Amino acid sequence: LGSADITNDGQFNLAPRVLPESDLSRPDSGLYAMVL
């Protein structure tokens, strides 16, 4: 949440380079995150 950027039209943006855990960048690593 601290690294996220939400635009005026409600778009939730979070660049992969600023992800706090490297496992979030590796496909099917076992650690996942999503926004609904």
Full PDB file with SEQRES, HELIX, SHEET, SSBOND, CRYST1, ORIGX, SCALE, CONECT and MASTER records, all heavy atoms in Angstrom:
SEQRES   1 A   36  LEU GLY SER ALA ASP ILE THR ASN ASP GLY GLN PHE ASN          
SEQRES   2 A   36  LEU ALA PRO ARG VAL LEU PRO GLU SER ASP LEU SER ARG          
SEQRES   3 A   36  PRO ASP SER GLY LEU TYR ALA MET VAL LEU                      
HELIX    1 AA1 PRO A   16  VAL A   18  5                                   3    
HELIX    2 AA2 SER A   22  LEU A   24  5                                   3    
SHEET    1 AA1 2 ASP A   5  ILE A   6  0                                        
SHEET    2 AA1 2 PHE A  12  ASN A  13 -1                                        
CRYST1    1.000    1.000    1.000  90.00  90.00  90.00 P 1           1          
ORIGX1      1.000000  0.000000  0.000000        0.00000                         
ORIGX2      0.000000  1.000000  0.000000        0.00000                         
ORIGX3      0.000000  0.000000  1.000000        0.00000                         
SCALE1      1.000000  0.000000  0.000000        0.00000                         
SCALE2      0.000000  1.000000  0.000000        0.00000                         
SCALE3      0.000000  0.000000  1.000000        0.00000                         
ATOM      1  N   LEU A   1       0.827  -1.204   0.000  1.00  0.00           N  
ATOM      2  CA  LEU A   1       0.000   0.000   0.000  1.00  0.00           C  
ATOM      3  C   LEU A   1       0.865   1.260   0.000  1.00  0.00           C  
ATOM      4  O   LEU A   1       0.524   2.269  -0.636  1.00  0.00           O  
ATOM      5  CB  LEU A   1      -0.935  -0.010   1.206  1.00  0.00           C  
ATOM      6  CG  LEU A   1      -2.058  -1.059   1.191  1.00  0.00           C  
ATOM      7  CD1 LEU A   1      -2.832  -1.032   2.509  1.00  0.00           C  
ATOM      8  CD2 LEU A   1      -3.008  -0.809   0.019  1.00  0.00           C  
ATOM      9  N   GLY A   2       1.994   1.186   0.707  1.00  0.00           N  
ATOM     10  CA  GLY A   2       2.875   2.355   0.747  1.00  0.00           C  
ATOM     11  C   GLY A   2       3.550   2.643  -0.575  1.00  0.00           C  
ATOM     12  O   GLY A   2       3.922   3.777  -0.865  1.00  0.00           O  
ATOM     13  N   SER A   3       3.737   1.579  -1.395  1.00  0.00           N  
ATOM     14  CA  SER A   3       4.415   1.750  -2.692  1.00  0.00           C  
ATOM     15  C   SER A   3       3.430   1.952  -3.845  1.00  0.00           C  
ATOM     16  O   SER A   3       3.843   2.178  -4.983  1.00  0.00           O  
ATOM     17  CB  SER A   3       5.296   0.524  -2.994  1.00  0.00           C  
ATOM     18  OG  SER A   3       6.230   0.299  -1.966  1.00  0.00           O  
ATOM     19  N   ALA A   4       2.127   1.842  -3.573  1.00  0.00           N  
ATOM     20  CA  ALA A   4       1.123   1.890  -4.648  1.00  0.00           C  
ATOM     21  C   ALA A   4       0.860   3.334  -5.085  1.00  0.00           C  
ATOM     22  O   ALA A   4       1.080   4.292  -4.335  1.00  0.00           O  
ATOM     23  CB  ALA A   4      -0.162   1.231  -4.169  1.00  0.00           C  
ATOM     24  N   ASP A   5       0.361   3.429  -6.319  1.00  0.00           N  
ATOM     25  CA  ASP A   5      -0.025   4.730  -6.891  1.00  0.00           C  
ATOM     26  C   ASP A   5      -1.402   4.559  -7.531  1.00  0.00           C  
ATOM     27  O   ASP A   5      -1.587   3.722  -8.411  1.00  0.00           O  
ATOM     28  CB  ASP A   5       1.004   5.166  -7.942  1.00  0.00           C  
ATOM     29  CG  ASP A   5       0.635   6.513  -8.549  1.00  0.00           C  
ATOM     30  OD1 ASP A   5      -0.057   7.295  -7.858  1.00  0.00           O  
ATOM     31  OD2 ASP A   5       1.033   6.758  -9.703  1.00  0.00           O  
ATOM     32  N   ILE A   6      -2.376   5.360  -7.065  1.00  0.00           N  
ATOM     33  CA  ILE A   6      -3.747   5.280  -7.578  1.00  0.00           C  
ATOM     34  C   ILE A   6      -4.053   6.578  -8.326  1.00  0.00           C  
ATOM     35  O   ILE A   6      -3.924   7.670  -7.755  1.00  0.00           O  
ATOM     36  CB  ILE A   6      -4.750   5.048  -6.440  1.00  0.00           C  
ATOM     37  CG1 ILE A   6      -4.388   3.752  -5.665  1.00  0.00           C  
ATOM     38  CG2 ILE A   6      -6.168   4.959  -6.975  1.00  0.00           C  
ATOM     39  CD1 ILE A   6      -5.270   3.494  -4.472  1.00  0.00           C  
ATOM     40  N   THR A   7      -4.456   6.427  -9.596  1.00  0.00           N  
ATOM     41  CA  THR A   7      -4.734   7.606 -10.423  1.00  0.00           C  
ATOM     42  C   THR A   7      -6.120   8.163 -10.115  1.00  0.00           C  
ATOM     43  O   THR A   7      -6.911   7.540  -9.390  1.00  0.00           O  
ATOM     44  CB  THR A   7      -4.663   7.223 -11.911  1.00  0.00           C  
ATOM     45  OG1 THR A   7      -5.682   6.254 -12.174  1.00  0.00           O  
ATOM     46  CG2 THR A   7      -3.292   6.631 -12.255  1.00  0.00           C  
ATOM     47  N   ASN A   8      -6.401   9.368 -10.695  1.00  0.00           N  
ATOM     48  CA  ASN A   8      -7.705  10.013 -10.463  1.00  0.00           C  
ATOM     49  C   ASN A   8      -8.868   9.220 -11.035  1.00  0.00           C  
ATOM     50  O   ASN A   8     -10.003   9.342 -10.568  1.00  0.00           O  
ATOM     51  CB  ASN A   8      -7.709  11.429 -11.058  1.00  0.00           C  
ATOM     52  CG  ASN A   8      -6.801  12.359 -10.253  1.00  0.00           C  
ATOM     53  OD1 ASN A   8      -6.638  12.168  -9.043  1.00  0.00           O  
ATOM     54  ND2 ASN A   8      -6.225  13.352 -10.922  1.00  0.00           N  
ATOM     55  N   ASP A   9      -8.557   8.407 -12.037  1.00  0.00           N  
ATOM     56  CA  ASP A   9      -9.655   7.602 -12.604  1.00  0.00           C  
ATOM     57  C   ASP A   9      -9.755   6.230 -11.938  1.00  0.00           C  
ATOM     58  O   ASP A   9     -10.430   5.338 -12.431  1.00  0.00           O  
ATOM     59  CB  ASP A   9      -9.465   7.435 -14.113  1.00  0.00           C  
ATOM     60  CG  ASP A   9      -8.143   6.789 -14.462  1.00  0.00           C  
ATOM     61  OD1 ASP A   9      -7.320   6.539 -13.516  1.00  0.00           O  
ATOM     62  OD2 ASP A   9      -7.913   6.491 -15.641  1.00  0.00           O  
ATOM     63  N   GLY A  10      -9.053   6.036 -10.809  1.00  0.00           N  
ATOM     64  CA  GLY A  10      -9.189   4.816 -10.024  1.00  0.00           C  
ATOM     65  C   GLY A  10      -8.292   3.684 -10.442  1.00  0.00           C  
ATOM     66  O   GLY A  10      -8.495   2.540 -10.007  1.00  0.00           O  
ATOM     67  N   GLN A  11      -7.277   3.961 -11.259  1.00  0.00           N  
ATOM     68  CA  GLN A  11      -6.356   2.910 -11.673  1.00  0.00           C  
ATOM     69  C   GLN A  11      -5.301   2.676 -10.582  1.00  0.00           C  
ATOM     70  O   GLN A  11      -4.690   3.622 -10.065  1.00  0.00           O  
ATOM     71  CB  GLN A  11      -5.668   3.288 -13.000  1.00  0.00           C  
ATOM     72  CG  GLN A  11      -6.621   3.374 -14.180  1.00  0.00           C  
ATOM     73  CD  GLN A  11      -7.226   2.044 -14.505  1.00  0.00           C  
ATOM     74  OE1 GLN A  11      -6.561   1.020 -14.431  1.00  0.00           O  
ATOM     75  NE2 GLN A  11      -8.517   2.056 -14.870  1.00  0.00           N  
ATOM     76  N   PHE A  12      -5.116   1.402 -10.226  1.00  0.00           N  
ATOM     77  CA  PHE A  12      -4.139   1.014  -9.188  1.00  0.00           C  
ATOM     78  C   PHE A  12      -2.858   0.591  -9.887  1.00  0.00           C  
ATOM     79  O   PHE A  12      -2.832  -0.362 -10.671  1.00  0.00           O  
ATOM     80  CB  PHE A  12      -4.693  -0.154  -8.357  1.00  0.00           C  
ATOM     81  CG  PHE A  12      -3.839  -0.480  -7.164  1.00  0.00           C  
ATOM     82  CD1 PHE A  12      -4.119   0.058  -5.914  1.00  0.00           C  
ATOM     83  CD2 PHE A  12      -2.759  -1.353  -7.281  1.00  0.00           C  
ATOM     84  CE1 PHE A  12      -3.335  -0.254  -4.825  1.00  0.00           C  
ATOM     85  CE2 PHE A  12      -1.975  -1.653  -6.175  1.00  0.00           C  
ATOM     86  CZ  PHE A  12      -2.258  -1.096  -4.942  1.00  0.00           C  
ATOM     87  N   ASN A  13      -1.783   1.312  -9.616  1.00  0.00           N  
ATOM     88  CA  ASN A  13      -0.508   1.058 -10.274  1.00  0.00           C  
ATOM     89  C   ASN A  13       0.553   0.735  -9.216  1.00  0.00           C  
ATOM     90  O   ASN A  13       0.661   1.396  -8.176  1.00  0.00           O  
ATOM     91  CB  ASN A  13      -0.048   2.263 -11.101  1.00  0.00           C  
ATOM     92  CG  ASN A  13      -1.007   2.559 -12.249  1.00  0.00           C  
ATOM     93  OD1 ASN A  13      -1.486   1.631 -12.905  1.00  0.00           O  
ATOM     94  ND2 ASN A  13      -1.319   3.835 -12.476  1.00  0.00           N  
ATOM     95  N   LEU A  14       1.324  -0.287  -9.521  1.00  0.00           N  
ATOM     96  CA  LEU A  14       2.449  -0.652  -8.652  1.00  0.00           C  
ATOM     97  C   LEU A  14       3.517  -1.263  -9.544  1.00  0.00           C  
ATOM     98  O   LEU A  14       3.339  -2.351 -10.098  1.00  0.00           O  
ATOM     99  CB  LEU A  14       2.015  -1.666  -7.581  1.00  0.00           C  
ATOM    100  CG  LEU A  14       3.055  -1.992  -6.513  1.00  0.00           C  
ATOM    101  CD1 LEU A  14       3.420  -0.742  -5.710  1.00  0.00           C  
ATOM    102  CD2 LEU A  14       2.526  -3.071  -5.557  1.00  0.00           C  
ATOM    103  N   ALA A  15       4.600  -0.532  -9.722  1.00  0.00           N  
ATOM    104  CA  ALA A  15       5.658  -0.984 -10.631  1.00  0.00           C  
ATOM    105  C   ALA A  15       6.352  -2.211 -10.057  1.00  0.00           C  
ATOM    106  O   ALA A  15       6.601  -2.295  -8.856  1.00  0.00           O  
ATOM    107  CB  ALA A  15       6.661   0.137 -10.849  1.00  0.00           C  
ATOM    108  N   PRO A  16       6.677  -3.191 -10.881  1.00  0.00           N  
ATOM    109  CA  PRO A  16       7.346  -4.405 -10.402  1.00  0.00           C  
ATOM    110  C   PRO A  16       8.667  -4.116  -9.708  1.00  0.00           C  
ATOM    111  O   PRO A  16       9.065  -4.847  -8.791  1.00  0.00           O  
ATOM    112  CB  PRO A  16       7.559  -5.228 -11.677  1.00  0.00           C  
ATOM    113  CG  PRO A  16       6.487  -4.753 -12.604  1.00  0.00           C  
ATOM    114  CD  PRO A  16       6.318  -3.285 -12.315  1.00  0.00           C  
ATOM    115  N   ARG A  17       9.355  -3.016 -10.115  1.00  0.00           N  
ATOM    116  CA  ARG A  17      10.655  -2.751  -9.513  1.00  0.00           C  
ATOM    117  C   ARG A  17      10.567  -2.279  -8.072  1.00  0.00           C  
ATOM    118  O   ARG A  17      11.565  -2.298  -7.348  1.00  0.00           O  
ATOM    119  CB  ARG A  17      11.398  -1.720 -10.373  1.00  0.00           C  
ATOM    120  CG  ARG A  17      10.749  -0.364 -10.395  1.00  0.00           C  
ATOM    121  CD  ARG A  17      11.590   0.632 -11.204  1.00  0.00           C  
ATOM    122  NE  ARG A  17      11.006   1.962 -11.178  1.00  0.00           N  
ATOM    123  CZ  ARG A  17      10.059   2.402 -11.983  1.00  0.00           C  
ATOM    124  NH1 ARG A  17       9.581   1.563 -12.923  1.00  0.00           N  
ATOM    125  NH2 ARG A  17       9.575   3.627 -11.886  1.00  0.00           N  
ATOM    126  N   VAL A  18       9.401  -1.828  -7.682  1.00  0.00           N  
ATOM    127  CA  VAL A  18       9.247  -1.337  -6.306  1.00  0.00           C  
ATOM    128  C   VAL A  18       8.536  -2.359  -5.421  1.00  0.00           C  
ATOM    129  O   VAL A  18       8.168  -2.047  -4.293  1.00  0.00           O  
ATOM    130  CB  VAL A  18       8.464  -0.012  -6.287  1.00  0.00           C  
ATOM    131  CG1 VAL A  18       9.225   1.075  -7.031  1.00  0.00           C  
ATOM    132  CG2 VAL A  18       7.062  -0.199  -6.865  1.00  0.00           C  
ATOM    133  N   LEU A  19       8.347  -3.567  -5.919  1.00  0.00           N  
ATOM    134  CA  LEU A  19       7.724  -4.594  -5.089  1.00  0.00           C  
ATOM    135  C   LEU A  19       8.625  -4.903  -3.891  1.00  0.00           C  
ATOM    136  O   LEU A  19       9.848  -5.093  -4.050  1.00  0.00           O  
ATOM    137  CB  LEU A  19       7.492  -5.877  -5.896  1.00  0.00           C  
ATOM    138  CG  LEU A  19       6.416  -5.788  -6.998  1.00  0.00           C  
ATOM    139  CD1 LEU A  19       6.360  -7.082  -7.799  1.00  0.00           C  
ATOM    140  CD2 LEU A  19       5.055  -5.472  -6.396  1.00  0.00           C  
ATOM    141  N   PRO A  20       8.057  -4.998  -2.666  1.00  0.00           N  
ATOM    142  CA  PRO A  20       8.892  -5.188  -1.470  1.00  0.00           C  
ATOM    143  C   PRO A  20       9.483  -6.595  -1.338  1.00  0.00           C  
ATOM    144  O   PRO A  20      10.431  -6.789  -0.579  1.00  0.00           O  
ATOM    145  CB  PRO A  20       7.919  -4.900  -0.330  1.00  0.00           C  
ATOM    146  CG  PRO A  20       6.571  -5.155  -0.880  1.00  0.00           C  
ATOM    147  CD  PRO A  20       6.637  -4.802  -2.320  1.00  0.00           C  
ATOM    148  N   GLU A  21       8.948  -7.584  -2.041  1.00  0.00           N  
ATOM    149  CA  GLU A  21       9.453  -8.959  -1.965  1.00  0.00           C  
ATOM    150  C   GLU A  21       9.799  -9.441  -3.364  1.00  0.00           C  
ATOM    151  O   GLU A  21       9.007  -9.284  -4.291  1.00  0.00           O  
ATOM    152  CB  GLU A  21       8.404  -9.904  -1.357  1.00  0.00           C  
ATOM    153  CG  GLU A  21       8.221  -9.782   0.144  1.00  0.00           C  
ATOM    154  CD  GLU A  21       9.345 -10.473   0.922  1.00  0.00           C  
ATOM    155  OE1 GLU A  21      10.111 -11.239   0.305  1.00  0.00           O  
ATOM    156  OE2 GLU A  21       9.450 -10.228   2.144  1.00  0.00           O  
ATOM    157  N   SER A  22      10.995 -10.023  -3.526  1.00  0.00           N  
ATOM    158  CA  SER A  22      11.409 -10.511  -4.842  1.00  0.00           C  
ATOM    159  C   SER A  22      10.538 -11.680  -5.303  1.00  0.00           C  
ATOM    160  O   SER A  22      10.380 -11.910  -6.509  1.00  0.00           O  
ATOM    161  CB  SER A  22      12.875 -10.950  -4.800  1.00  0.00           C  
ATOM    162  OG  SER A  22      13.066 -11.981  -3.833  1.00  0.00           O  
ATOM    163  N   ASP A  23       9.961 -12.441  -4.348  1.00  0.00           N  
ATOM    164  CA  ASP A  23       9.102 -13.571  -4.733  1.00  0.00           C  
ATOM    165  C   ASP A  23       7.853 -13.096  -5.455  1.00  0.00           C  
ATOM    166  O   ASP A  23       7.242 -13.858  -6.212  1.00  0.00           O  
ATOM    167  CB  ASP A  23       8.704 -14.380  -3.489  1.00  0.00           C  
ATOM    168  CG  ASP A  23       9.861 -15.210  -2.940  1.00  0.00           C  
ATOM    169  OD1 ASP A  23      10.838 -15.413  -3.679  1.00  0.00           O  
ATOM    170  OD2 ASP A  23       9.785 -15.657  -1.765  1.00  0.00           O  
ATOM    171  N   LEU A  24       7.447 -11.843  -5.232  1.00  0.00           N  
ATOM    172  CA  LEU A  24       6.281 -11.325  -5.937  1.00  0.00           C  
ATOM    173  C   LEU A  24       6.563 -11.117  -7.416  1.00  0.00           C  
ATOM    174  O   LEU A  24       5.628 -11.049  -8.233  1.00  0.00           O  
ATOM    175  CB  LEU A  24       5.824 -10.011  -5.306  1.00  0.00           C  
ATOM    176  CG  LEU A  24       5.238 -10.114  -3.888  1.00  0.00           C  
ATOM    177  CD1 LEU A  24       4.978  -8.721  -3.319  1.00  0.00           C  
ATOM    178  CD2 LEU A  24       3.946 -10.941  -3.894  1.00  0.00           C  
ATOM    179  N   SER A  25       7.832 -11.021  -7.786  1.00  0.00           N  
ATOM    180  CA  SER A  25       8.190 -10.797  -9.192  1.00  0.00           C  
ATOM    181  C   SER A  25       8.457 -12.101  -9.928  1.00  0.00           C  
ATOM    182  O   SER A  25       8.499 -12.124 -11.157  1.00  0.00           O  
ATOM    183  CB  SER A  25       9.445  -9.914  -9.280  1.00  0.00           C  
ATOM    184  OG  SER A  25       9.227  -8.683  -8.633  1.00  0.00           O  
ATOM    185  N   ARG A  26       8.653 -13.214  -9.199  1.00  0.00           N  
ATOM    186  CA  ARG A  26       8.968 -14.488  -9.824  1.00  0.00           C  
ATOM    187  C   ARG A  26       7.684 -15.281 -10.035  1.00  0.00           C  
ATOM    188  O   ARG A  26       6.939 -15.534  -9.086  1.00  0.00           O  
ATOM    189  CB  ARG A  26       9.937 -15.270  -8.958  1.00  0.00           C  
ATOM    190  CG  ARG A  26      10.541 -16.480  -9.682  1.00  0.00           C  
ATOM    191  CD  ARG A  26      11.661 -17.140  -8.894  1.00  0.00           C  
ATOM    192  NE  ARG A  26      11.173 -17.753  -7.651  1.00  0.00           N  
ATOM    193  CZ  ARG A  26      11.369 -17.275  -6.444  1.00  0.00           C  
ATOM    194  NH1 ARG A  26      12.054 -16.132  -6.298  1.00  0.00           N  
ATOM    195  NH2 ARG A  26      10.890 -17.887  -5.375  1.00  0.00           N  
ATOM    196  N   PRO A  27       7.380 -15.692 -11.272  1.00  0.00           N  
ATOM    197  CA  PRO A  27       6.117 -16.386 -11.566  1.00  0.00           C  
ATOM    198  C   PRO A  27       5.969 -17.670 -10.741  1.00  0.00           C  
ATOM    199  O   PRO A  27       6.907 -18.464 -10.615  1.00  0.00           O  
ATOM    200  CB  PRO A  27       6.208 -16.690 -13.067  1.00  0.00           C  
ATOM    201  CG  PRO A  27       7.171 -15.674 -13.588  1.00  0.00           C  
ATOM    202  CD  PRO A  27       8.172 -15.448 -12.503  1.00  0.00           C  
ATOM    203  N   ASP A  28       4.765 -17.812 -10.209  1.00  0.00           N  
ATOM    204  CA  ASP A  28       4.381 -19.012  -9.440  1.00  0.00           C  
ATOM    205  C   ASP A  28       5.395 -19.343  -8.342  1.00  0.00           C  
ATOM    206  O   ASP A  28       5.776 -20.495  -8.143  1.00  0.00           O  
ATOM    207  CB  ASP A  28       4.226 -20.202 -10.385  1.00  0.00           C  
ATOM    208  CG  ASP A  28       3.311 -21.267  -9.781  1.00  0.00           C  
ATOM    209  OD1 ASP A  28       2.552 -20.946  -8.834  1.00  0.00           O  
ATOM    210  OD2 ASP A  28       3.367 -22.423 -10.234  1.00  0.00           O  
ATOM    211  N   SER A  29       5.823 -18.315  -7.616  1.00  0.00           N  
ATOM    212  CA  SER A  29       6.807 -18.483  -6.555  1.00  0.00           C  
ATOM    213  C   SER A  29       6.187 -18.987  -5.256  1.00  0.00           C  
ATOM    214  O   SER A  29       6.883 -19.445  -4.361  1.00  0.00           O  
ATOM    215  CB  SER A  29       7.524 -17.153  -6.292  1.00  0.00           C  
ATOM    216  OG  SER A  29       6.582 -16.180  -5.820  1.00  0.00           O  
ATOM    217  N   GLY A  30       4.872 -18.855  -5.147  1.00  0.00           N  
ATOM    218  CA  GLY A  30       4.203 -19.246  -3.913  1.00  0.00           C  
ATOM    219  C   GLY A  30       3.767 -18.069  -3.084  1.00  0.00           C  
ATOM    220  O   GLY A  30       2.995 -18.227  -2.134  1.00  0.00           O  
ATOM    221  N   LEU A  31       4.234 -16.860  -3.437  1.00  0.00           N  
ATOM    222  CA  LEU A  31       3.813 -15.639  -2.750  1.00  0.00           C  
ATOM    223  C   LEU A  31       3.117 -14.759  -3.783  1.00  0.00           C  
ATOM    224  O   LEU A  31       3.693 -14.426  -4.826  1.00  0.00           O  
ATOM    225  CB  LEU A  31       5.023 -14.919  -2.162  1.00  0.00           C  
ATOM    226  CG  LEU A  31       4.731 -13.645  -1.368  1.00  0.00           C  
ATOM    227  CD1 LEU A  31       3.892 -13.943  -0.134  1.00  0.00           C  
ATOM    228  CD2 LEU A  31       6.038 -12.957  -0.960  1.00  0.00           C  
ATOM    229  N   TYR A  32       1.872 -14.367  -3.493  1.00  0.00           N  
ATOM    230  CA  TYR A  32       1.066 -13.657  -4.484  1.00  0.00           C  
ATOM    231  C   TYR A  32       0.414 -12.441  -3.848  1.00  0.00           C  
ATOM    232  O   TYR A  32       0.221 -12.380  -2.628  1.00  0.00           O  
ATOM    233  CB  TYR A  32      -0.031 -14.574  -5.055  1.00  0.00           C  
ATOM    234  CG  TYR A  32       0.455 -15.969  -5.403  1.00  0.00           C  
ATOM    235  CD1 TYR A  32       0.100 -17.073  -4.614  1.00  0.00           C  
ATOM    236  CD2 TYR A  32       1.258 -16.178  -6.518  1.00  0.00           C  
ATOM    237  CE1 TYR A  32       0.539 -18.343  -4.928  1.00  0.00           C  
ATOM    238  CE2 TYR A  32       1.690 -17.455  -6.845  1.00  0.00           C  
ATOM    239  CZ  TYR A  32       1.342 -18.531  -6.048  1.00  0.00           C  
ATOM    240  OH  TYR A  32       1.770 -19.777  -6.359  1.00  0.00           O  
ATOM    241  N   ALA A  33       0.056 -11.492  -4.736  1.00  0.00           N  
ATOM    242  CA  ALA A  33      -0.692 -10.306  -4.301  1.00  0.00           C  
ATOM    243  C   ALA A  33      -1.594  -9.855  -5.449  1.00  0.00           C  
ATOM    244  O   ALA A  33      -1.234  -9.972  -6.623  1.00  0.00           O  
ATOM    245  CB  ALA A  33       0.262  -9.185  -3.900  1.00  0.00           C  
ATOM    246  N   MET A  34      -2.762  -9.337  -5.088  1.00  0.00           N  
ATOM    247  CA  MET A  34      -3.687  -8.802  -6.099  1.00  0.00           C  
ATOM    248  C   MET A  34      -4.606  -7.780  -5.437  1.00  0.00           C  
ATOM    249  O   MET A  34      -4.755  -7.767  -4.208  1.00  0.00           O  
ATOM    250  CB  MET A  34      -4.506  -9.926  -6.742  1.00  0.00           C  
ATOM    251  CG  MET A  34      -5.490 -10.599  -5.809  1.00  0.00           C  
ATOM    252  SD  MET A  34      -6.471 -11.871  -6.655  1.00  0.00           S  
ATOM    253  CE  MET A  34      -7.553 -12.392  -5.329  1.00  0.00           C  
ATOM    254  N   VAL A  35      -5.200  -6.944  -6.297  1.00  0.00           N  
ATOM    255  CA  VAL A  35      -6.132  -5.917  -5.831  1.00  0.00           C  
ATOM    256  C   VAL A  35      -7.447  -6.118  -6.552  1.00  0.00           C  
ATOM    257  O   VAL A  35      -7.474  -6.265  -7.792  1.00  0.00           O  
ATOM    258  CB  VAL A  35      -5.582  -4.505  -6.082  1.00  0.00           C  
ATOM    259  CG1 VAL A  35      -6.602  -3.449  -5.660  1.00  0.00           C  
ATOM    260  CG2 VAL A  35      -4.260  -4.297  -5.343  1.00  0.00           C  
ATOM    261  N   LEU A  36      -8.530  -6.154  -5.786  1.00  0.00           N  
ATOM    262  CA  LEU A  36      -9.876  -6.325  -6.347  1.00  0.00           C  
ATOM    263  C   LEU A  36     -10.678  -5.051  -6.107  1.00  0.00           C  
ATOM    264  O   LEU A  36     -10.484  -4.361  -5.094  1.00  0.00           O  
ATOM    265  CB  LEU A  36     -10.600  -7.498  -5.676  1.00  0.00           C  
ATOM    266  CG  LEU A  36      -9.898  -8.866  -5.709  1.00  0.00           C  
ATOM    267  CD1 LEU A  36     -10.721  -9.897  -4.938  1.00  0.00           C  
ATOM    268  CD2 LEU A  36      -9.669  -9.323  -7.140  1.00  0.00           C  
TER     269      LEU A  36                                                      
MASTER        0    0    0    2    2    0    0    6  268    1    0    3          
END                                                                             
